[in-house]
């Protein structure tokens, strides 16, 4: 599924994907990983190492979750009253 090619190829294992799905229950983790893969392909100069990929993806998922929470809060805020 998720593969980053470079000096050392890195693949996302099914076990790691399942772990992150359990940890980030409110996210579509697979979709977020595909977005991260697209970002890596579009930014070859900022390519991650095989060793750094798990950290990169966890940071990506944390950011996506924070964005989700922020959007949910914005949707529940009352609109300011204007005469």
Protein backbone atom coordinates (compact mmCIF):
# COMPACT_ATOMS: atom_id res chain seq x y z
CA UNK A 1 0.00 0.00 0.00
CA UNK A 2 2.27 2.78 1.23
CA UNK A 3 5.77 2.80 -0.20
CA UNK A 4 8.40 5.50 -0.15
CA UNK A 5 11.24 4.85 -2.52
CA UNK A 6 14.72 6.18 -2.07
CA UNK A 7 18.08 4.96 -0.91
CA UNK A 8 16.23 2.62 1.45
CA UNK A 9 12.66 1.77 0.51
CA UNK A 10 10.14 1.84 3.33
CA UNK A 11 6.79 0.06 3.44
CA UNK A 12 3.97 0.54 5.90
CA UNK A 13 3.20 -2.83 7.44
CA UNK A 14 -0.34 -4.01 8.05
CA UNK A 15 0.44 -4.27 11.76
CA UNK A 16 1.65 -0.67 11.96
CA UNK A 17 -1.39 0.54 9.99
CA UNK A 18 -3.72 -1.32 12.37
CA UNK A 19 -1.91 0.14 15.41
CA UNK A 20 -2.35 3.67 14.08
CA UNK A 21 -6.00 2.99 13.17
CA UNK A 22 -6.56 1.96 16.79
CA UNK A 23 -4.73 5.03 18.11
CA UNK A 24 -6.36 7.54 15.75
CA UNK A 25 -9.93 6.22 15.73
CA UNK A 26 -11.45 9.44 14.44
CA UNK A 27 -9.20 9.62 11.36
CA UNK A 28 -9.17 7.74 8.09
CA UNK A 29 -5.57 6.68 8.69
CA UNK A 30 -5.19 4.94 5.35
CA UNK A 31 -6.32 8.08 3.48
CA UNK A 32 -3.97 10.25 5.53
CA UNK A 33 -1.06 7.89 4.76
CA UNK A 34 -1.86 8.14 1.05
CA UNK A 35 -1.84 11.95 1.33
CA UNK A 36 1.54 11.75 3.05
CA UNK A 37 2.81 9.46 0.30
CA UNK A 38 1.67 11.96 -2.33
CA UNK A 39 3.43 14.75 -0.43
CA UNK A 40 6.66 12.70 -0.35
CA UNK A 41 6.43 12.07 -4.11
CA UNK A 42 5.81 15.77 -4.81
CA UNK A 43 8.68 16.90 -2.58
CA UNK A 44 11.65 14.68 -3.49
CA UNK A 45 14.12 17.16 -2.02
CA UNK A 46 12.48 16.69 1.38
CA UNK A 47 12.26 12.93 1.13
CA UNK A 48 12.30 11.12 4.45
CA UNK A 49 14.65 8.30 5.32
CA UNK A 50 13.32 4.81 5.98
CA UNK A 51 14.27 5.28 9.62
CA UNK A 52 12.42 8.61 9.84
CA UNK A 53 9.19 7.56 8.13
CA UNK A 54 7.32 6.30 11.21
CA UNK A 55 7.96 9.58 13.04
CA UNK A 56 6.98 11.59 9.94
CA UNK A 57 3.69 9.68 9.63
CA UNK A 58 2.83 9.97 13.31
CA UNK A 59 3.41 13.73 13.11
CA UNK A 60 1.23 13.82 9.98
CA UNK A 61 -1.56 11.95 11.80
CA UNK A 62 -1.28 14.18 14.87
CA UNK A 63 -1.58 17.27 12.67
CA UNK A 64 -4.56 15.80 10.80
CA UNK A 65 -6.27 15.00 14.10
CA UNK A 66 -5.63 18.50 15.45
CA UNK A 67 -7.07 19.97 12.25
CA UNK A 68 -10.14 17.75 12.62
CA UNK A 69 -10.68 18.93 16.21
CA UNK A 70 -10.22 22.57 15.22
CA UNK A 71 -12.78 22.25 12.38
CA UNK A 72 -15.26 20.58 14.73
CA UNK A 73 -14.88 23.40 17.26
CA UNK A 74 -15.35 26.04 14.56
CA UNK A 75 -18.57 24.36 13.44
CA UNK A 76 -20.04 24.42 16.95
CA UNK A 77 -19.16 28.03 17.78
CA UNK A 78 -22.14 30.34 17.76
CA UNK A 79 -22.09 33.03 15.12
CA UNK A 80 -21.46 36.50 16.53
CA UNK A 81 -24.57 38.64 16.80
CA UNK A 82 -24.71 41.51 14.33
CA UNK A 83 -27.52 44.04 14.26
